[in-house]
mmCIF file of all heavy atoms, coordinates in Angstrom:
data_MODEL
# 
_entry.id   MODEL 
# 
loop_
_atom_site.group_PDB 
_atom_site.id 
_atom_site.type_symbol 
_atom_site.label_atom_id 
_atom_site.label_alt_id 
_atom_site.label_comp_id 
_atom_site.label_asym_id 
_atom_site.label_entity_id 
_atom_site.label_seq_id 
_atom_site.pdbx_PDB_ins_code 
_atom_site.Cartn_x 
_atom_site.Cartn_y 
_atom_site.Cartn_z 
_atom_site.occupancy 
_atom_site.B_iso_or_equiv 
_atom_site.pdbx_formal_charge 
_atom_site.auth_seq_id 
_atom_site.auth_comp_id 
_atom_site.auth_asym_id 
_atom_site.auth_atom_id 
_atom_site.pdbx_PDB_model_num 
ATOM 1   N N   . SER A 1 1  ? 0.823  -1.190 0.000  1.00 0.00 ? 1  SER A N   1 
ATOM 2   C CA  . SER A 1 1  ? 0.000  0.000  0.000  1.00 0.00 ? 1  SER A CA  1 
ATOM 3   C C   . SER A 1 1  ? 0.862  1.247  0.000  1.00 0.00 ? 1  SER A C   1 
ATOM 4   O O   . SER A 1 1  ? 2.065  1.199  0.266  1.00 0.00 ? 1  SER A O   1 
ATOM 5   C CB  . SER A 1 1  ? -0.905 -0.004 1.235  1.00 0.00 ? 1  SER A CB  1 
ATOM 6   O OG  . SER A 1 1  ? -0.133 0.130  2.416  1.00 0.00 ? 1  SER A OG  1 
ATOM 7   N N   . ARG A 1 2  ? 0.188  2.390  -0.281 1.00 0.00 ? 2  ARG A N   1 
ATOM 8   C CA  . ARG A 1 2  ? 0.922  3.648  -0.280 1.00 0.00 ? 2  ARG A CA  1 
ATOM 9   C C   . ARG A 1 2  ? 1.499  3.962  1.092  1.00 0.00 ? 2  ARG A C   1 
ATOM 10  O O   . ARG A 1 2  ? 2.618  4.452  1.212  1.00 0.00 ? 2  ARG A O   1 
ATOM 11  C CB  . ARG A 1 2  ? -0.001 4.781  -0.729 1.00 0.00 ? 2  ARG A CB  1 
ATOM 12  C CG  . ARG A 1 2  ? -0.315 4.765  -2.216 1.00 0.00 ? 2  ARG A CG  1 
ATOM 13  C CD  . ARG A 1 2  ? -1.058 6.033  -2.610 1.00 0.00 ? 2  ARG A CD  1 
ATOM 14  N NE  . ARG A 1 2  ? -1.289 6.085  -4.044 1.00 0.00 ? 2  ARG A NE  1 
ATOM 15  C CZ  . ARG A 1 2  ? -1.879 7.107  -4.662 1.00 0.00 ? 2  ARG A CZ  1 
ATOM 16  N NH1 . ARG A 1 2  ? -2.284 8.153  -3.946 1.00 0.00 ? 2  ARG A NH1 1 
ATOM 17  N NH2 . ARG A 1 2  ? -2.061 7.085  -5.964 1.00 0.00 ? 2  ARG A NH2 1 
ATOM 18  N N   . ILE A 1 3  ? 0.716  3.662  2.140  1.00 0.00 ? 3  ILE A N   1 
ATOM 19  C CA  . ILE A 1 3  ? 1.200  3.924  3.494  1.00 0.00 ? 3  ILE A CA  1 
ATOM 20  C C   . ILE A 1 3  ? 2.400  3.040  3.801  1.00 0.00 ? 3  ILE A C   1 
ATOM 21  O O   . ILE A 1 3  ? 3.400  3.488  4.365  1.00 0.00 ? 3  ILE A O   1 
ATOM 22  C CB  . ILE A 1 3  ? 0.067  3.690  4.522  1.00 0.00 ? 3  ILE A CB  1 
ATOM 23  C CG1 . ILE A 1 3  ? -1.049 4.714  4.319  1.00 0.00 ? 3  ILE A CG1 1 
ATOM 24  C CG2 . ILE A 1 3  ? 0.615  3.766  5.941  1.00 0.00 ? 3  ILE A CG2 1 
ATOM 25  C CD1 . ILE A 1 3  ? -2.232 4.524  5.242  1.00 0.00 ? 3  ILE A CD1 1 
ATOM 26  N N   . GLY A 1 4  ? 2.315  1.775  3.420  1.00 0.00 ? 4  GLY A N   1 
ATOM 27  C CA  . GLY A 1 4  ? 3.427  0.862  3.645  1.00 0.00 ? 4  GLY A CA  1 
ATOM 28  C C   . GLY A 1 4  ? 4.672  1.290  2.893  1.00 0.00 ? 4  GLY A C   1 
ATOM 29  O O   . GLY A 1 4  ? 5.784  1.226  3.418  1.00 0.00 ? 4  GLY A O   1 
ATOM 30  N N   . THR A 1 5  ? 4.482  1.727  1.642  1.00 0.00 ? 5  THR A N   1 
ATOM 31  C CA  . THR A 1 5  ? 5.612  2.203  0.849  1.00 0.00 ? 5  THR A CA  1 
ATOM 32  C C   . THR A 1 5  ? 6.243  3.427  1.478  1.00 0.00 ? 5  THR A C   1 
ATOM 33  O O   . THR A 1 5  ? 7.474  3.551  1.555  1.00 0.00 ? 5  THR A O   1 
ATOM 34  C CB  . THR A 1 5  ? 5.150  2.534  -0.579 1.00 0.00 ? 5  THR A CB  1 
ATOM 35  O OG1 . THR A 1 5  ? 4.590  1.358  -1.174 1.00 0.00 ? 5  THR A OG1 1 
ATOM 36  C CG2 . THR A 1 5  ? 6.313  3.010  -1.426 1.00 0.00 ? 5  THR A CG2 1 
ATOM 37  N N   . PHE A 1 6  ? 5.392  4.347  1.958  1.00 0.00 ? 6  PHE A N   1 
ATOM 38  C CA  . PHE A 1 6  ? 5.904  5.561  2.603  1.00 0.00 ? 6  PHE A CA  1 
ATOM 39  C C   . PHE A 1 6  ? 6.691  5.222  3.861  1.00 0.00 ? 6  PHE A C   1 
ATOM 40  O O   . PHE A 1 6  ? 7.795  5.726  4.080  1.00 0.00 ? 6  PHE A O   1 
ATOM 41  C CB  . PHE A 1 6  ? 4.738  6.488  2.941  1.00 0.00 ? 6  PHE A CB  1 
ATOM 42  C CG  . PHE A 1 6  ? 5.137  7.701  3.734  1.00 0.00 ? 6  PHE A CG  1 
ATOM 43  C CD1 . PHE A 1 6  ? 5.728  8.790  3.111  1.00 0.00 ? 6  PHE A CD1 1 
ATOM 44  C CD2 . PHE A 1 6  ? 4.941  7.742  5.108  1.00 0.00 ? 6  PHE A CD2 1 
ATOM 45  C CE1 . PHE A 1 6  ? 6.109  9.910  3.843  1.00 0.00 ? 6  PHE A CE1 1 
ATOM 46  C CE2 . PHE A 1 6  ? 5.314  8.862  5.841  1.00 0.00 ? 6  PHE A CE2 1 
ATOM 47  C CZ  . PHE A 1 6  ? 5.905  9.943  5.205  1.00 0.00 ? 6  PHE A CZ  1 
ATOM 48  N N   . LEU A 1 7  ? 6.128  4.356  4.711  1.00 0.00 ? 7  LEU A N   1 
ATOM 49  C CA  . LEU A 1 7  ? 6.805  3.989  5.953  1.00 0.00 ? 7  LEU A CA  1 
ATOM 50  C C   . LEU A 1 7  ? 8.118  3.271  5.672  1.00 0.00 ? 7  LEU A C   1 
ATOM 51  O O   . LEU A 1 7  ? 9.127  3.493  6.363  1.00 0.00 ? 7  LEU A O   1 
ATOM 52  C CB  . LEU A 1 7  ? 5.894  3.111  6.809  1.00 0.00 ? 7  LEU A CB  1 
ATOM 53  C CG  . LEU A 1 7  ? 4.645  3.792  7.382  1.00 0.00 ? 7  LEU A CG  1 
ATOM 54  C CD1 . LEU A 1 7  ? 3.784  2.785  8.133  1.00 0.00 ? 7  LEU A CD1 1 
ATOM 55  C CD2 . LEU A 1 7  ? 5.041  4.949  8.298  1.00 0.00 ? 7  LEU A CD2 1 
ATOM 56  N N   . ASP A 1 8  ? 8.118  2.420  4.645  1.00 0.00 ? 8  ASP A N   1 
ATOM 57  C CA  . ASP A 1 8  ? 9.348  1.707  4.302  1.00 0.00 ? 8  ASP A CA  1 
ATOM 58  C C   . ASP A 1 8  ? 10.422 2.673  3.825  1.00 0.00 ? 8  ASP A C   1 
ATOM 59  O O   . ASP A 1 8  ? 11.596 2.540  4.186  1.00 0.00 ? 8  ASP A O   1 
ATOM 60  C CB  . ASP A 1 8  ? 9.046  0.667  3.210  1.00 0.00 ? 8  ASP A CB  1 
ATOM 61  C CG  . ASP A 1 8  ? 10.250 -0.201 2.901  1.00 0.00 ? 8  ASP A CG  1 
ATOM 62  O OD1 . ASP A 1 8  ? 10.762 -0.859 3.825  1.00 0.00 ? 8  ASP A OD1 1 
ATOM 63  O OD2 . ASP A 1 8  ? 10.700 -0.199 1.730  1.00 0.00 ? 8  ASP A OD2 1 
ATOM 64  N N   . SER A 1 9  ? 10.034 3.675  3.036  1.00 0.00 ? 9  SER A N   1 
ATOM 65  C CA  . SER A 1 9  ? 11.005 4.658  2.562  1.00 0.00 ? 9  SER A CA  1 
ATOM 66  C C   . SER A 1 9  ? 11.546 5.493  3.710  1.00 0.00 ? 9  SER A C   1 
ATOM 67  O O   . SER A 1 9  ? 12.720 5.855  3.746  1.00 0.00 ? 9  SER A O   1 
ATOM 68  C CB  . SER A 1 9  ? 10.373 5.564  1.500  1.00 0.00 ? 9  SER A CB  1 
ATOM 69  O OG  . SER A 1 9  ? 9.374  6.397  2.073  1.00 0.00 ? 9  SER A OG  1 
ATOM 70  N N   . ARG A 1 10 ? 10.670 5.817  4.704  1.00 0.00 ? 10 ARG A N   1 
ATOM 71  C CA  . ARG A 1 10 ? 11.144 6.580  5.875  1.00 0.00 ? 10 ARG A CA  1 
ATOM 72  C C   . ARG A 1 10 ? 12.119 5.765  6.701  1.00 0.00 ? 10 ARG A C   1 
ATOM 73  O O   . ARG A 1 10 ? 13.117 6.298  7.205  1.00 0.00 ? 10 ARG A O   1 
ATOM 74  C CB  . ARG A 1 10 ? 9.958  6.987  6.747  1.00 0.00 ? 10 ARG A CB  1 
ATOM 75  C CG  . ARG A 1 10 ? 8.945  7.909  6.116  1.00 0.00 ? 10 ARG A CG  1 
ATOM 76  C CD  . ARG A 1 10 ? 9.575  9.174  5.564  1.00 0.00 ? 10 ARG A CD  1 
ATOM 77  N NE  . ARG A 1 10 ? 9.885  9.062  4.151  1.00 0.00 ? 10 ARG A NE  1 
ATOM 78  C CZ  . ARG A 1 10 ? 10.401 10.021 3.427  1.00 0.00 ? 10 ARG A CZ  1 
ATOM 79  N NH1 . ARG A 1 10 ? 10.675 11.198 3.980  1.00 0.00 ? 10 ARG A NH1 1 
ATOM 80  N NH2 . ARG A 1 10 ? 10.655 9.848  2.140  1.00 0.00 ? 10 ARG A NH2 1 
ATOM 81  N N   . ARG A 1 11 ? 11.840 4.465  6.860  1.00 0.00 ? 11 ARG A N   1 
ATOM 82  C CA  . ARG A 1 11 ? 12.755 3.608  7.621  1.00 0.00 ? 11 ARG A CA  1 
ATOM 83  C C   . ARG A 1 11 ? 14.113 3.533  6.950  1.00 0.00 ? 11 ARG A C   1 
ATOM 84  O O   . ARG A 1 11 ? 15.157 3.612  7.616  1.00 0.00 ? 11 ARG A O   1 
ATOM 85  C CB  . ARG A 1 11 ? 12.154 2.208  7.777  1.00 0.00 ? 11 ARG A CB  1 
ATOM 86  C CG  . ARG A 1 11 ? 11.072 2.102  8.833  1.00 0.00 ? 11 ARG A CG  1 
ATOM 87  C CD  . ARG A 1 11 ? 10.776 0.642  9.149  1.00 0.00 ? 11 ARG A CD  1 
ATOM 88  N NE  . ARG A 1 11 ? 10.228 -0.047 7.979  1.00 0.00 ? 11 ARG A NE  1 
ATOM 89  C CZ  . ARG A 1 11 ? 8.933  -0.163 7.737  1.00 0.00 ? 11 ARG A CZ  1 
ATOM 90  N NH1 . ARG A 1 11 ? 8.064  0.388  8.575  1.00 0.00 ? 11 ARG A NH1 1 
ATOM 91  N NH2 . ARG A 1 11 ? 8.512  -0.811 6.673  1.00 0.00 ? 11 ARG A NH2 1 
ATOM 92  N N   . ARG A 1 12 ? 14.110 3.373  5.628  1.00 0.00 ? 12 ARG A N   1 
ATOM 93  C CA  . ARG A 1 12 ? 15.386 3.307  4.905  1.00 0.00 ? 12 ARG A CA  1 
ATOM 94  C C   . ARG A 1 12 ? 16.138 4.620  5.030  1.00 0.00 ? 12 ARG A C   1 
ATOM 95  O O   . ARG A 1 12 ? 17.370 4.629  5.199  1.00 0.00 ? 12 ARG A O   1 
ATOM 96  C CB  . ARG A 1 12 ? 15.147 2.981  3.424  1.00 0.00 ? 12 ARG A CB  1 
ATOM 97  C CG  . ARG A 1 12 ? 14.709 1.565  3.161  1.00 0.00 ? 12 ARG A CG  1 
ATOM 98  C CD  . ARG A 1 12 ? 14.935 1.206  1.692  1.00 0.00 ? 12 ARG A CD  1 
ATOM 99  N NE  . ARG A 1 12 ? 14.277 2.137  0.802  1.00 0.00 ? 12 ARG A NE  1 
ATOM 100 C CZ  . ARG A 1 12 ? 13.037 1.988  0.341  1.00 0.00 ? 12 ARG A CZ  1 
ATOM 101 N NH1 . ARG A 1 12 ? 12.325 0.931  0.722  1.00 0.00 ? 12 ARG A NH1 1 
ATOM 102 N NH2 . ARG A 1 12 ? 12.506 2.866  -0.474 1.00 0.00 ? 12 ARG A NH2 1 
ATOM 103 N N   . ARG A 1 13 ? 15.414 5.720  4.961  1.00 0.00 ? 13 ARG A N   1 
ATOM 104 C CA  . ARG A 1 13 ? 16.069 7.021  5.054  1.00 0.00 ? 13 ARG A CA  1 
ATOM 105 C C   . ARG A 1 13 ? 16.697 7.233  6.424  1.00 0.00 ? 13 ARG A C   1 
ATOM 106 O O   . ARG A 1 13 ? 17.827 7.715  6.532  1.00 0.00 ? 13 ARG A O   1 
ATOM 107 C CB  . ARG A 1 13 ? 15.043 8.120  4.773  1.00 0.00 ? 13 ARG A CB  1 
ATOM 108 C CG  . ARG A 1 13 ? 15.642 9.510  4.682  1.00 0.00 ? 13 ARG A CG  1 
ATOM 109 C CD  . ARG A 1 13 ? 14.623 10.499 4.170  1.00 0.00 ? 13 ARG A CD  1 
ATOM 110 N NE  . ARG A 1 13 ? 15.215 11.811 3.943  1.00 0.00 ? 13 ARG A NE  1 
ATOM 111 C CZ  . ARG A 1 13 ? 14.569 12.835 3.420  1.00 0.00 ? 13 ARG A CZ  1 
ATOM 112 N NH1 . ARG A 1 13 ? 13.318 12.687 3.042  1.00 0.00 ? 13 ARG A NH1 1 
ATOM 113 N NH2 . ARG A 1 13 ? 15.172 13.987 3.248  1.00 0.00 ? 13 ARG A NH2 1 
ATOM 114 N N   . LEU A 1 14 ? 15.976 6.855  7.486  1.00 0.00 ? 14 LEU A N   1 
ATOM 115 C CA  . LEU A 1 14 ? 16.521 6.986  8.834  1.00 0.00 ? 14 LEU A CA  1 
ATOM 116 C C   . LEU A 1 14 ? 17.715 6.054  9.034  1.00 0.00 ? 14 LEU A C   1 
ATOM 117 O O   . LEU A 1 14 ? 18.703 6.424  9.676  1.00 0.00 ? 14 LEU A O   1 
ATOM 118 C CB  . LEU A 1 14 ? 15.432 6.677  9.866  1.00 0.00 ? 14 LEU A CB  1 
ATOM 119 C CG  . LEU A 1 14 ? 14.311 7.718  9.978  1.00 0.00 ? 14 LEU A CG  1 
ATOM 120 C CD1 . LEU A 1 14 ? 13.239 7.231  10.948 1.00 0.00 ? 14 LEU A CD1 1 
ATOM 121 C CD2 . LEU A 1 14 ? 14.878 9.059  10.448 1.00 0.00 ? 14 LEU A CD2 1 
ATOM 122 N N   . ARG A 1 15 ? 17.630 4.854  8.495  1.00 0.00 ? 15 ARG A N   1 
ATOM 123 C CA  . ARG A 1 15 ? 18.742 3.903  8.625  1.00 0.00 ? 15 ARG A CA  1 
ATOM 124 C C   . ARG A 1 15 ? 19.990 4.432  7.934  1.00 0.00 ? 15 ARG A C   1 
ATOM 125 O O   . ARG A 1 15 ? 21.091 4.384  8.489  1.00 0.00 ? 15 ARG A O   1 
ATOM 126 C CB  . ARG A 1 15 ? 18.332 2.562  8.008  1.00 0.00 ? 15 ARG A CB  1 
ATOM 127 C CG  . ARG A 1 15 ? 19.411 1.481  8.069  1.00 0.00 ? 15 ARG A CG  1 
ATOM 128 C CD  . ARG A 1 15 ? 19.051 0.355  7.120  1.00 0.00 ? 15 ARG A CD  1 
ATOM 129 N NE  . ARG A 1 15 ? 18.986 0.819  5.743  1.00 0.00 ? 15 ARG A NE  1 
ATOM 130 C CZ  . ARG A 1 15 ? 18.294 0.211  4.784  1.00 0.00 ? 15 ARG A CZ  1 
ATOM 131 N NH1 . ARG A 1 15 ? 17.568 -0.861 5.048  1.00 0.00 ? 15 ARG A NH1 1 
ATOM 132 N NH2 . ARG A 1 15 ? 18.308 0.688  3.551  1.00 0.00 ? 15 ARG A NH2 1 
ATOM 133 N N   . ASP A 1 16 ? 19.821 4.974  6.737  1.00 0.00 ? 16 ASP A N   1 
ATOM 134 C CA  . ASP A 1 16 ? 20.973 5.475  5.990  1.00 0.00 ? 16 ASP A CA  1 
ATOM 135 C C   . ASP A 1 16 ? 21.587 6.706  6.646  1.00 0.00 ? 16 ASP A C   1 
ATOM 136 O O   . ASP A 1 16 ? 22.794 6.952  6.528  1.00 0.00 ? 16 ASP A O   1 
ATOM 137 C CB  . ASP A 1 16 ? 20.559 5.813  4.547  1.00 0.00 ? 16 ASP A CB  1 
ATOM 138 C CG  . ASP A 1 16 ? 20.143 4.580  3.758  1.00 0.00 ? 16 ASP A CG  1 
ATOM 139 O OD1 . ASP A 1 16 ? 20.518 3.470  4.168  1.00 0.00 ? 16 ASP A OD1 1 
ATOM 140 O OD2 . ASP A 1 16 ? 19.437 4.732  2.751  1.00 0.00 ? 16 ASP A OD2 1 
ATOM 141 N N   . ALA A 1 17 ? 20.740 7.498  7.329  1.00 0.00 ? 17 ALA A N   1 
ATOM 142 C CA  . ALA A 1 17 ? 21.231 8.740  7.926  1.00 0.00 ? 17 ALA A CA  1 
ATOM 143 C C   . ALA A 1 17 ? 21.691 8.571  9.363  1.00 0.00 ? 17 ALA A C   1 
ATOM 144 O O   . ALA A 1 17 ? 22.192 9.531  9.963  1.00 0.00 ? 17 ALA A O   1 
ATOM 145 C CB  . ALA A 1 17 ? 20.140 9.815  7.864  1.00 0.00 ? 17 ALA A CB  1 
ATOM 146 N N   . ALA A 1 18 ? 21.553 7.374  9.935  1.00 0.00 ? 18 ALA A N   1 
ATOM 147 C CA  . ALA A 1 18 ? 21.850 7.180  11.356 1.00 0.00 ? 18 ALA A CA  1 
ATOM 148 C C   . ALA A 1 18 ? 23.288 7.550  11.696 1.00 0.00 ? 18 ALA A C   1 
ATOM 149 O O   . ALA A 1 18 ? 23.549 8.294  12.652 1.00 0.00 ? 18 ALA A O   1 
ATOM 150 C CB  . ALA A 1 18 ? 21.555 5.732  11.756 1.00 0.00 ? 18 ALA A CB  1 
ATOM 151 N N   . LEU A 1 19 ? 24.253 7.039  10.924 1.00 0.00 ? 19 LEU A N   1 
ATOM 152 C CA  . LEU A 1 19 ? 25.665 7.322  11.226 1.00 0.00 ? 19 LEU A CA  1 
ATOM 153 C C   . LEU A 1 19 ? 26.006 8.799  11.036 1.00 0.00 ? 19 LEU A C   1 
ATOM 154 O O   . LEU A 1 19 ? 26.640 9.398  11.923 1.00 0.00 ? 19 LEU A O   1 
ATOM 155 C CB  . LEU A 1 19 ? 26.571 6.441  10.361 1.00 0.00 ? 19 LEU A CB  1 
ATOM 156 C CG  . LEU A 1 19 ? 28.079 6.648  10.571 1.00 0.00 ? 19 LEU A CG  1 
ATOM 157 C CD1 . LEU A 1 19 ? 28.460 6.386  12.025 1.00 0.00 ? 19 LEU A CD1 1 
ATOM 158 C CD2 . LEU A 1 19 ? 28.877 5.735  9.634  1.00 0.00 ? 19 LEU A CD2 1 
ATOM 159 N N   . PRO A 1 20 ? 25.633 9.438  9.913  1.00 0.00 ? 20 PRO A N   1 
ATOM 160 C CA  . PRO A 1 20 ? 25.923 10.874 9.788  1.00 0.00 ? 20 PRO A CA  1 
ATOM 161 C C   . PRO A 1 20 ? 25.290 11.716 10.879 1.00 0.00 ? 20 PRO A C   1 
ATOM 162 O O   . PRO A 1 20 ? 25.902 12.678 11.358 1.00 0.00 ? 20 PRO A O   1 
ATOM 163 C CB  . PRO A 1 20 ? 25.344 11.232 8.401  1.00 0.00 ? 20 PRO A CB  1 
ATOM 164 C CG  . PRO A 1 20 ? 25.354 9.954  7.645  1.00 0.00 ? 20 PRO A CG  1 
ATOM 165 C CD  . PRO A 1 20 ? 25.065 8.893  8.656  1.00 0.00 ? 20 PRO A CD  1 
ATOM 166 N N   . VAL A 1 21 ? 24.077 11.368 11.303 1.00 0.00 ? 21 VAL A N   1 
ATOM 167 C CA  . VAL A 1 21 ? 23.426 12.127 12.369 1.00 0.00 ? 21 VAL A CA  1 
ATOM 168 C C   . VAL A 1 21 ? 24.196 11.970 13.676 1.00 0.00 ? 21 VAL A C   1 
ATOM 169 O O   . VAL A 1 21 ? 24.405 12.939 14.417 1.00 0.00 ? 21 VAL A O   1 
ATOM 170 C CB  . VAL A 1 21 ? 21.961 11.669 12.537 1.00 0.00 ? 21 VAL A CB  1 
ATOM 171 C CG1 . VAL A 1 21 ? 21.369 12.204 13.829 1.00 0.00 ? 21 VAL A CG1 1 
ATOM 172 C CG2 . VAL A 1 21 ? 21.126 12.132 11.346 1.00 0.00 ? 21 VAL A CG2 1 
ATOM 173 N N   . LEU A 1 22 ? 24.630 10.750 13.975 1.00 0.00 ? 22 LEU A N   1 
ATOM 174 C CA  . LEU A 1 22 ? 25.416 10.511 15.184 1.00 0.00 ? 22 LEU A CA  1 
ATOM 175 C C   . LEU A 1 22 ? 26.723 11.286 15.139 1.00 0.00 ? 22 LEU A C   1 
ATOM 176 O O   . LEU A 1 22 ? 27.135 11.903 16.137 1.00 0.00 ? 22 LEU A O   1 
ATOM 177 C CB  . LEU A 1 22 ? 25.682 9.014  15.342 1.00 0.00 ? 22 LEU A CB  1 
ATOM 178 C CG  . LEU A 1 22 ? 26.529 8.610  16.561 1.00 0.00 ? 22 LEU A CG  1 
ATOM 179 C CD1 . LEU A 1 22 ? 25.817 8.988  17.850 1.00 0.00 ? 22 LEU A CD1 1 
ATOM 180 C CD2 . LEU A 1 22 ? 26.827 7.111  16.525 1.00 0.00 ? 22 LEU A CD2 1 
ATOM 181 N N   . GLN A 1 23 ? 27.385 11.276 13.995 1.00 0.00 ? 23 GLN A N   1 
ATOM 182 C CA  . GLN A 1 23 ? 28.626 12.030 13.849 1.00 0.00 ? 23 GLN A CA  1 
ATOM 183 C C   . GLN A 1 23 ? 28.394 13.519 14.069 1.00 0.00 ? 23 GLN A C   1 
ATOM 184 O O   . GLN A 1 23 ? 29.184 14.191 14.743 1.00 0.00 ? 23 GLN A O   1 
ATOM 185 C CB  . GLN A 1 23 ? 29.217 11.800 12.456 1.00 0.00 ? 23 GLN A CB  1 
ATOM 186 C CG  . GLN A 1 23 ? 29.768 10.405 12.240 1.00 0.00 ? 23 GLN A CG  1 
ATOM 187 C CD  . GLN A 1 23 ? 30.241 10.180 10.813 1.00 0.00 ? 23 GLN A CD  1 
ATOM 188 O OE1 . GLN A 1 23 ? 29.964 10.987 9.924  1.00 0.00 ? 23 GLN A OE1 1 
ATOM 189 N NE2 . GLN A 1 23 ? 30.944 9.088  10.581 1.00 0.00 ? 23 GLN A NE2 1 
ATOM 190 N N   . CYS A 1 24 ? 27.321 14.050 13.520 1.00 0.00 ? 24 CYS A N   1 
ATOM 191 C CA  . CYS A 1 24 ? 27.006 15.469 13.666 1.00 0.00 ? 24 CYS A CA  1 
ATOM 192 C C   . CYS A 1 24 ? 26.769 15.822 15.128 1.00 0.00 ? 24 CYS A C   1 
ATOM 193 O O   . CYS A 1 24 ? 27.274 16.836 15.635 1.00 0.00 ? 24 CYS A O   1 
ATOM 194 C CB  . CYS A 1 24 ? 25.782 15.812 12.813 1.00 0.00 ? 24 CYS A CB  1 
ATOM 195 S SG  . CYS A 1 24 ? 25.292 17.549 12.878 1.00 0.00 ? 24 CYS A SG  1 
ATOM 196 N N   . ALA A 1 25 ? 26.008 14.981 15.825 1.00 0.00 ? 25 ALA A N   1 
ATOM 197 C CA  . ALA A 1 25 ? 25.697 15.257 17.221 1.00 0.00 ? 25 ALA A CA  1 
ATOM 198 C C   . ALA A 1 25 ? 26.953 15.232 18.089 1.00 0.00 ? 25 ALA A C   1 
ATOM 199 O O   . ALA A 1 25 ? 27.177 16.128 18.921 1.00 0.00 ? 25 ALA A O   1 
ATOM 200 C CB  . ALA A 1 25 ? 24.677 14.235 17.730 1.00 0.00 ? 25 ALA A CB  1 
ATOM 201 N N   . LEU A 1 26 ? 27.781 14.208 17.915 1.00 0.00 ? 26 LEU A N   1 
ATOM 202 C CA  . LEU A 1 26 ? 28.999 14.096 18.721 1.00 0.00 ? 26 LEU A CA  1 
ATOM 203 C C   . LEU A 1 26 ? 29.984 15.217 18.397 1.00 0.00 ? 26 LEU A C   1 
ATOM 204 O O   . LEU A 1 26 ? 30.650 15.753 19.293 1.00 0.00 ? 26 LEU A O   1 
ATOM 205 C CB  . LEU A 1 26 ? 29.651 12.729 18.496 1.00 0.00 ? 26 LEU A CB  1 
ATOM 206 C CG  . LEU A 1 26 ? 28.850 11.513 18.997 1.00 0.00 ? 26 LEU A CG  1 
ATOM 207 C CD1 . LEU A 1 26 ? 29.574 10.219 18.652 1.00 0.00 ? 26 LEU A CD1 1 
ATOM 208 C CD2 . LEU A 1 26 ? 28.616 11.598 20.498 1.00 0.00 ? 26 LEU A CD2 1 
ATOM 209 N N   . ALA A 1 27 ? 30.089 15.561 17.109 1.00 0.00 ? 27 ALA A N   1 
ATOM 210 C CA  . ALA A 1 27 ? 31.014 16.632 16.716 1.00 0.00 ? 27 ALA A CA  1 
ATOM 211 C C   . ALA A 1 27 ? 30.580 17.971 17.289 1.00 0.00 ? 27 ALA A C   1 
ATOM 212 O O   . ALA A 1 27 ? 31.422 18.788 17.689 1.00 0.00 ? 27 ALA A O   1 
ATOM 213 C CB  . ALA A 1 27 ? 31.107 16.715 15.194 1.00 0.00 ? 27 ALA A CB  1 
ATOM 214 N N   . ALA A 1 28 ? 29.269 18.226 17.343 1.00 0.00 ? 28 ALA A N   1 
ATOM 215 C CA  . ALA A 1 28 ? 28.781 19.482 17.921 1.00 0.00 ? 28 ALA A CA  1 
ATOM 216 C C   . ALA A 1 28 ? 29.161 19.582 19.396 1.00 0.00 ? 28 ALA A C   1 
ATOM 217 O O   . ALA A 1 28 ? 29.609 20.633 19.874 1.00 0.00 ? 28 ALA A O   1 
ATOM 218 C CB  . ALA A 1 28 ? 27.266 19.574 17.754 1.00 0.00 ? 28 ALA A CB  1 
# 
């Protein structure tokens, strides 16, 4: 479904951004 596709894309986006976000937080 569209909702499932949207949620799956959000999960992938958060997973891919997890390390850069952690690096940004620690560096700050």
